[in-house]
Amino acid sequence: MNTLKNVSVGKTVTVKRLHGEGPIKRRIMDMGITKGVQVYVRKVAPLGDPIEVTVRDYELSLRKADAEMIEVE
């Protein structure tokens, strides 16, 4: 399973599926990350957390724990 956490900087991927339960999954969806949306990985902080991405023409920072719940292709 390929997750957003493993995507390298400069790549664009498509969200395939969201994992996680209840409020966490809802929060990810509220940020605009839903099945089929394109996500561009802009940069990763020096220690690897957070990951900065572009989704639906806006910039977003995600924790590694959240990025691990987003399955991509």
PDB file of N, CA and C in Angstrom:
ATOM      1  N   MET A   1       0.842  -1.189   0.000  1.00  0.00           N
ATOM      2  CA  MET A   1       0.000   0.000   0.000  1.00  0.00           C
ATOM      3  C   MET A   1       0.881   1.243   0.000  1.00  0.00           C
ATOM      4  N   ASN A   2       0.652   2.116  -0.945  1.00  0.00           N
ATOM      5  CA  ASN A   2       1.419   3.352  -1.064  1.00  0.00           C
ATOM      6  C   ASN A   2       0.642   4.478  -0.384  1.00  0.00           C
ATOM      7  N   THR A   3       1.276   5.159   0.581  1.00  0.00           N
ATOM      8  CA  THR A   3       0.595   6.242   1.287  1.00  0.00           C
ATOM      9  C   THR A   3       1.240   7.584   0.955  1.00  0.00           C
ATOM     10  N   LEU A   4       0.539   8.658   1.278  1.00  0.00           N
ATOM     11  CA  LEU A   4       1.038  10.009   1.032  1.00  0.00           C
ATOM     12  C   LEU A   4       2.342  10.257   1.787  1.00  0.00           C
ATOM     13  N   LYS A   5       2.527   9.587   2.904  1.00  0.00           N
ATOM     14  CA  LYS A   5       3.744   9.730   3.710  1.00  0.00           C
ATOM     15  C   LYS A   5       4.990   9.324   2.918  1.00  0.00           C
ATOM     16  N   ASN A   6       4.851   8.372   2.000  1.00  0.00           N
ATOM     17  CA  ASN A   6       5.989   7.829   1.255  1.00  0.00           C
ATOM     18  C   ASN A   6       6.271   8.528  -0.073  1.00  0.00           C
ATOM     19  N   VAL A   7       5.438   9.484  -0.454  1.00  0.00           N
ATOM     20  CA  VAL A   7       5.602  10.165  -1.739  1.00  0.00           C
ATOM     21  C   VAL A   7       6.747  11.175  -1.645  1.00  0.00           C
ATOM     22  N   SER A   8       7.601  11.205  -2.662  1.00  0.00           N
ATOM     23  CA  SER A   8       8.734  12.129  -2.626  1.00  0.00           C
ATOM     24  C   SER A   8       8.332  13.532  -3.087  1.00  0.00           C
ATOM     25  N   VAL A   9       9.122  14.507  -2.686  1.00  0.00           N
ATOM     26  CA  VAL A   9       8.860  15.913  -2.992  1.00  0.00           C
ATOM     27  C   VAL A   9       8.837  16.129  -4.505  1.00  0.00           C
ATOM     28  N   GLY A  10       7.866  16.923  -4.969  1.00  0.00           N
ATOM     29  CA  GLY A  10       7.765  17.238  -6.388  1.00  0.00           C
ATOM     30  C   GLY A  10       6.835  16.318  -7.157  1.00  0.00           C
ATOM     31  N   LYS A  11       6.304  15.305  -6.518  1.00  0.00           N
ATOM     32  CA  LYS A  11       5.413  14.353  -7.197  1.00  0.00           C
ATOM     33  C   LYS A  11       3.952  14.737  -6.978  1.00  0.00           C
ATOM     34  N   THR A  12       3.125  14.413  -7.969  1.00  0.00           N
ATOM     35  CA  THR A  12       1.680  14.586  -7.863  1.00  0.00           C
ATOM     36  C   THR A  12       1.058  13.204  -7.872  1.00  0.00           C
ATOM     37  N   VAL A  13       0.173  12.953  -6.908  1.00  0.00           N
ATOM     38  CA  VAL A  13      -0.484  11.648  -6.806  1.00  0.00           C
ATOM     39  C   VAL A  13      -1.993  11.852  -6.697  1.00  0.00           C
ATOM     40  N   THR A  14      -2.729  10.766  -6.891  1.00  0.00           N
ATOM     41  CA  THR A  14      -4.183  10.792  -6.780  1.00  0.00           C
ATOM     42  C   THR A  14      -4.593   9.989  -5.550  1.00  0.00           C
ATOM     43  N   VAL A  15      -5.510  10.549  -4.765  1.00  0.00           N
ATOM     44  CA  VAL A  15      -5.982   9.853  -3.567  1.00  0.00           C
ATOM     45  C   VAL A  15      -6.845   8.669  -3.995  1.00  0.00           C
ATOM     46  N   LYS A  16      -6.495   7.493  -3.487  1.00  0.00           N
ATOM     47  CA  LYS A  16      -7.198   6.272  -3.835  1.00  0.00           C
ATOM     48  C   LYS A  16      -8.217   5.906  -2.754  1.00  0.00           C
ATOM     49  N   ARG A  17      -7.813   6.082  -1.481  1.00  0.00           N
ATOM     50  CA  ARG A  17      -8.679   5.677  -0.374  1.00  0.00           C
ATOM     51  C   ARG A  17      -8.203   6.325   0.916  1.00  0.00           C
ATOM     52  N   LEU A  18      -9.135   6.611   1.821  1.00  0.00           N
ATOM     53  CA  LEU A  18      -8.800   7.148   3.139  1.00  0.00           C
ATOM     54  C   LEU A  18      -8.996   6.067   4.187  1.00  0.00           C
ATOM     55  N   HIS A  19      -8.005   5.907   5.048  1.00  0.00           N
ATOM     56  CA  HIS A  19      -8.107   4.964   6.160  1.00  0.00           C
ATOM     57  C   HIS A  19      -8.326   5.790   7.428  1.00  0.00           C
ATOM     58  N   GLY A  20      -8.548   5.142   8.528  1.00  0.00           N
ATOM     59  CA  GLY A  20      -8.754   5.877   9.772  1.00  0.00           C
ATOM     60  C   GLY A  20     -10.207   5.822  10.188  1.00  0.00           C
ATOM     61  N   GLU A  21     -10.463   6.314  11.380  1.00  0.00           N
ATOM     62  CA  GLU A  21     -11.789   6.218  11.973  1.00  0.00           C
ATOM     63  C   GLU A  21     -12.370   7.579  12.335  1.00  0.00           C
ATOM     64  N   GLY A  22     -13.667   7.673  12.292  1.00  0.00           N
ATOM     65  CA  GLY A  22     -14.431   8.796  12.797  1.00  0.00           C
ATOM     66  C   GLY A  22     -13.882  10.193  12.600  1.00  0.00           C
ATOM     67  N   PRO A  23     -13.588  10.897  13.721  1.00  0.00           N
ATOM     68  CA  PRO A  23     -13.201  12.314  13.650  1.00  0.00           C
ATOM     69  C   PRO A  23     -11.928  12.578  12.843  1.00  0.00           C
ATOM     70  N   ILE A  24     -10.987  11.645  12.880  1.00  0.00           N
ATOM     71  CA  ILE A  24      -9.734  11.843  12.137  1.00  0.00           C
ATOM     72  C   ILE A  24     -10.009  11.804  10.639  1.00  0.00           C
ATOM     73  N   LYS A  25     -10.743  10.799  10.193  1.00  0.00           N
ATOM     74  CA  LYS A  25     -11.088  10.673   8.773  1.00  0.00           C
ATOM     75  C   LYS A  25     -11.927  11.881   8.329  1.00  0.00           C
ATOM     76  N   ARG A  26     -12.856  12.301   9.180  1.00  0.00           N
ATOM     77  CA  ARG A  26     -13.715  13.452   8.876  1.00  0.00           C
ATOM     78  C   ARG A  26     -12.868  14.716   8.708  1.00  0.00           C
ATOM     79  N   ARG A  27     -11.861  14.912   9.572  1.00  0.00           N
ATOM     80  CA  ARG A  27     -11.002  16.091   9.502  1.00  0.00           C
ATOM     81  C   ARG A  27     -10.207  16.108   8.197  1.00  0.00           C
ATOM     82  N   ILE A  28      -9.692  14.955   7.804  1.00  0.00           N
ATOM     83  CA  ILE A  28      -8.946  14.856   6.542  1.00  0.00           C
ATOM     84  C   ILE A  28      -9.862  15.203   5.369  1.00  0.00           C
ATOM     85  N   MET A  29     -11.081  14.703   5.397  1.00  0.00           N
ATOM     86  CA  MET A  29     -12.031  15.000   4.322  1.00  0.00           C
ATOM     87  C   MET A  29     -12.427  16.475   4.326  1.00  0.00           C
ATOM     88  N   ASP A  30     -12.564  17.070   5.502  1.00  0.00           N
ATOM     89  CA  ASP A  30     -12.901  18.494   5.608  1.00  0.00           C
ATOM     90  C   ASP A  30     -11.806  19.384   5.022  1.00  0.00           C
ATOM     91  N   MET A  31     -10.559  18.882   5.004  1.00  0.00           N
ATOM     92  CA  MET A  31      -9.445  19.641   4.422  1.00  0.00           C
ATOM     93  C   MET A  31      -9.454  19.562   2.899  1.00  0.00           C
ATOM     94  N   GLY A  32     -10.377  18.791   2.332  1.00  0.00           N
ATOM     95  CA  GLY A  32     -10.475  18.696   0.880  1.00  0.00           C
ATOM     96  C   GLY A  32      -9.809  17.469   0.303  1.00  0.00           C
ATOM     97  N   ILE A  33      -9.296  16.607   1.162  1.00  0.00           N
ATOM     98  CA  ILE A  33      -8.637  15.395   0.677  1.00  0.00           C
ATOM     99  C   ILE A  33      -9.676  14.284   0.626  1.00  0.00           C
ATOM    100  N   THR A  34     -10.155  14.024  -0.584  1.00  0.00           N
ATOM    101  CA  THR A  34     -11.166  12.996  -0.799  1.00  0.00           C
ATOM    102  C   THR A  34     -10.722  12.089  -1.940  1.00  0.00           C
ATOM    103  N   LYS A  35     -11.405  10.983  -2.113  1.00  0.00           N
ATOM    104  CA  LYS A  35     -11.059  10.026  -3.159  1.00  0.00           C
ATOM    105  C   LYS A  35     -11.066  10.698  -4.532  1.00  0.00           C
ATOM    106  N   GLY A  36     -10.011  10.454  -5.301  1.00  0.00           N
ATOM    107  CA  GLY A  36      -9.929  10.963  -6.664  1.00  0.00           C
ATOM    108  C   GLY A  36      -9.266  12.323  -6.816  1.00  0.00           C
ATOM    109  N   VAL A  37      -8.995  13.028  -5.707  1.00  0.00           N
ATOM    110  CA  VAL A  37      -8.391  14.365  -5.791  1.00  0.00           C
ATOM    111  C   VAL A  37      -6.868  14.258  -5.990  1.00  0.00           C
ATOM    112  N   GLN A  38      -6.308  15.221  -6.715  1.00  0.00           N
ATOM    113  CA  GLN A  38      -4.865  15.265  -6.959  1.00  0.00           C
ATOM    114  C   GLN A  38      -4.169  15.984  -5.809  1.00  0.00           C
ATOM    115  N   VAL A  39      -3.044  15.427  -5.349  1.00  0.00           N
ATOM    116  CA  VAL A  39      -2.266  16.023  -4.265  1.00  0.00           C
ATOM    117  C   VAL A  39      -0.827  16.177  -4.752  1.00  0.00           C
ATOM    118  N   TYR A  40      -0.291  17.394  -4.661  1.00  0.00           N
ATOM    119  CA  TYR A  40       1.087  17.676  -5.050  1.00  0.00           C
ATOM    120  C   TYR A  40       1.911  17.874  -3.775  1.00  0.00           C
ATOM    121  N   VAL A  41       2.996  17.103  -3.627  1.00  0.00           N
ATOM    122  CA  VAL A  41       3.854  17.219  -2.441  1.00  0.00           C
ATOM    123  C   VAL A  41       4.864  18.335  -2.690  1.00  0.00           C
ATOM    124  N   ARG A  42       4.726  19.461  -1.964  1.00  0.00           N
ATOM    125  CA  ARG A  42       5.566  20.639  -2.156  1.00  0.00           C
ATOM    126  C   ARG A  42       6.905  20.505  -1.435  1.00  0.00           C
ATOM    127  N   LYS A  43       6.850  20.203  -0.147  1.00  0.00           N
ATOM    128  CA  LYS A  43       8.093  20.014   0.598  1.00  0.00           C
ATOM    129  C   LYS A  43       7.845  19.256   1.888  1.00  0.00           C
ATOM    130  N   VAL A  44       8.943  18.759   2.449  1.00  0.00           N
ATOM    131  CA  VAL A  44       8.901  18.022   3.706  1.00  0.00           C
ATOM    132  C   VAL A  44       9.830  18.740   4.675  1.00  0.00           C
ATOM    133  N   ALA A  45       9.371  18.952   5.887  1.00  0.00           N
ATOM    134  CA  ALA A  45      10.184  19.633   6.903  1.00  0.00           C
ATOM    135  C   ALA A  45      11.482  18.847   7.154  1.00  0.00           C
ATOM    136  N   PRO A  46      12.529  19.520   7.616  1.00  0.00           N
ATOM    137  CA  PRO A  46      13.828  18.864   7.822  1.00  0.00           C
ATOM    138  C   PRO A  46      13.772  17.563   8.630  1.00  0.00           C
ATOM    139  N   LEU A  47      12.940  17.511   9.623  1.00  0.00           N
ATOM    140  CA  LEU A  47      12.833  16.280  10.417  1.00  0.00           C
ATOM    141  C   LEU A  47      11.731  15.360   9.910  1.00  0.00           C
ATOM    142  N   GLY A  48      11.142  15.701   8.768  1.00  0.00           N
ATOM    143  CA  GLY A  48      10.143  14.845   8.136  1.00  0.00           C
ATOM    144  C   GLY A  48       8.709  15.110   8.550  1.00  0.00           C
ATOM    145  N   ASP A  49       8.494  16.016   9.471  1.00  0.00           N
ATOM    146  CA  ASP A  49       7.139  16.288   9.942  1.00  0.00           C
ATOM    147  C   ASP A  49       6.974  17.783  10.151  1.00  0.00           C
ATOM    148  N   PRO A  50       6.066  18.497   9.552  1.00  0.00           N
ATOM    149  CA  PRO A  50       4.980  18.022   8.689  1.00  0.00           C
ATOM    150  C   PRO A  50       5.380  17.967   7.213  1.00  0.00           C
ATOM    151  N   ILE A  51       4.424  17.495   6.428  1.00  0.00           N
ATOM    152  CA  ILE A  51       4.557  17.430   4.975  1.00  0.00           C
ATOM    153  C   ILE A  51       3.684  18.551   4.414  1.00  0.00           C
ATOM    154  N   GLU A  52       4.232  19.339   3.498  1.00  0.00           N
ATOM    155  CA  GLU A  52       3.469  20.437   2.911  1.00  0.00           C
ATOM    156  C   GLU A  52       2.995  20.016   1.522  1.00  0.00           C
ATOM    157  N   VAL A  53       1.682  20.107   1.301  1.00  0.00           N
ATOM    158  CA  VAL A  53       1.087  19.669   0.037  1.00  0.00           C
ATOM    159  C   VAL A  53       0.177  20.752  -0.544  1.00  0.00           C
ATOM    160  N   THR A  54      -0.126  20.611  -1.825  1.00  0.00           N
ATOM    161  CA  THR A  54      -1.111  21.479  -2.476  1.00  0.00           C
ATOM    162  C   THR A  54      -2.286  20.592  -2.878  1.00  0.00           C
ATOM    163  N   VAL A  55      -3.480  20.972  -2.400  1.00  0.00           N
ATOM    164  CA  VAL A  55      -4.715  20.237  -2.693  1.00  0.00           C
ATOM    165  C   VAL A  55      -5.762  21.252  -3.116  1.00  0.00           C
ATOM    166  N   ARG A  56      -6.403  21.016  -4.257  1.00  0.00           N
ATOM    167  CA  ARG A  56      -7.478  21.907  -4.740  1.00  0.00           C
ATOM    168  C   ARG A  56      -7.059  23.384  -4.730  1.00  0.00           C
ATOM    169  N   ASP A  57      -5.867  23.664  -5.209  1.00  0.00           N
ATOM    170  CA  ASP A  57      -5.327  25.027  -5.332  1.00  0.00           C
ATOM    171  C   ASP A  57      -5.070  25.734  -4.005  1.00  0.00           C
ATOM    172  N   TYR A  58      -4.938  25.016  -2.912  1.00  0.00           N
ATOM    173  CA  TYR A  58      -4.503  25.654  -1.678  1.00  0.00           C
ATOM    174  C   TYR A  58      -3.442  24.802  -0.987  1.00  0.00           C
ATOM    175  N   GLU A  59      -2.641  25.464  -0.170  1.00  0.00           N
ATOM    176  CA  GLU A  59      -1.538  24.790   0.502  1.00  0.00           C
ATOM    177  C   GLU A  59      -1.975  24.274   1.861  1.00  0.00           C
ATOM    178  N   LEU A  60      -1.428  23.138   2.226  1.00  0.00           N
ATOM    179  CA  LEU A  60      -1.843  22.453   3.428  1.00  0.00           C
ATOM    180  C   LEU A  60      -0.649  21.753   4.056  1.00  0.00           C
ATOM    181  N   SER A  61      -0.564  21.754   5.368  1.00  0.00           N
ATOM    182  CA  SER A  61       0.472  21.003   6.074  1.00  0.00           C
ATOM    183  C   SER A  61      -0.183  19.842   6.791  1.00  0.00           C
ATOM    184  N   LEU A  62       0.394  18.657   6.609  1.00  0.00           N
ATOM    185  CA  LEU A  62      -0.146  17.444   7.218  1.00  0.00           C
ATOM    186  C   LEU A  62       0.902  16.782   8.103  1.00  0.00           C
ATOM    187  N   ARG A  63       0.468  16.253   9.224  1.00  0.00           N
ATOM    188  CA  ARG A  63       1.380  15.467  10.052  1.00  0.00           C
ATOM    189  C   ARG A  63       1.620  14.131   9.365  1.00  0.00           C
ATOM    190  N   LYS A  64       2.760  13.519   9.661  1.00  0.00           N
ATOM    191  CA  LYS A  64       3.070  12.218   9.070  1.00  0.00           C
ATOM    192  C   LYS A  64       2.007  11.188   9.417  1.00  0.00           C
ATOM    193  N   ALA A  65       1.505  11.248  10.650  1.00  0.00           N
ATOM    194  CA  ALA A  65       0.481  10.292  11.094  1.00  0.00           C
ATOM    195  C   ALA A  65      -0.780  10.393  10.236  1.00  0.00           C
ATOM    196  N   ASP A  66      -1.156  11.623   9.853  1.00  0.00           N
ATOM    197  CA  ASP A  66      -2.329  11.815   8.996  1.00  0.00           C
ATOM    198  C   ASP A  66      -2.027  11.374   7.563  1.00  0.00           C
ATOM    199  N   ALA A  67      -0.834  11.710   7.077  1.00  0.00           N
ATOM    200  CA  ALA A  67      -0.446  11.364   5.710  1.00  0.00           C
ATOM    201  C   ALA A  67      -0.405   9.849   5.520  1.00  0.00           C
ATOM    202  N   GLU A  68      -0.109   9.136   6.594  1.00  0.00           N
ATOM    203  CA  GLU A  68      -0.041   7.666   6.520  1.00  0.00           C
ATOM    204  C   GLU A  68      -1.424   7.041   6.303  1.00  0.00           C
ATOM    205  N   MET A  69      -2.484   7.770   6.618  1.00  0.00           N
ATOM    206  CA  MET A  69      -3.852   7.259   6.461  1.00  0.00           C
ATOM    207  C   MET A  69      -4.409   7.500   5.073  1.00  0.00           C
ATOM    208  N   ILE A  70      -3.646   8.207   4.220  1.00  0.00           N
ATOM    209  CA  ILE A  70      -4.120   8.552   2.883  1.00  0.00           C
ATOM    210  C   ILE A  70      -3.423   7.662   1.863  1.00  0.00           C
ATOM    211  N   GLU A  71      -4.177   6.709   1.311  1.00  0.00           N
ATOM    212  CA  GLU A  71      -3.639   5.783   0.306  1.00  0.00           C
ATOM    213  C   GLU A  71      -3.695   6.477  -1.050  1.00  0.00           C
ATOM    214  N   VAL A  72      -2.573   6.434  -1.781  1.00  0.00           N
ATOM    215  CA  VAL A  72      -2.482   7.127  -3.066  1.00  0.00           C
ATOM    216  C   VAL A  72      -1.999   6.200  -4.159  1.00  0.00           C
ATOM    217  N   GLU A  73      -2.147   6.664  -5.414  1.00  0.00           N
ATOM    218  CA  GLU A  73      -1.628   5.921  -6.560  1.00  0.00           C
ATOM    219  C   GLU A  73      -0.971   6.850  -7.541  1.00  0.00           C
TER     220      GLU A  73
END
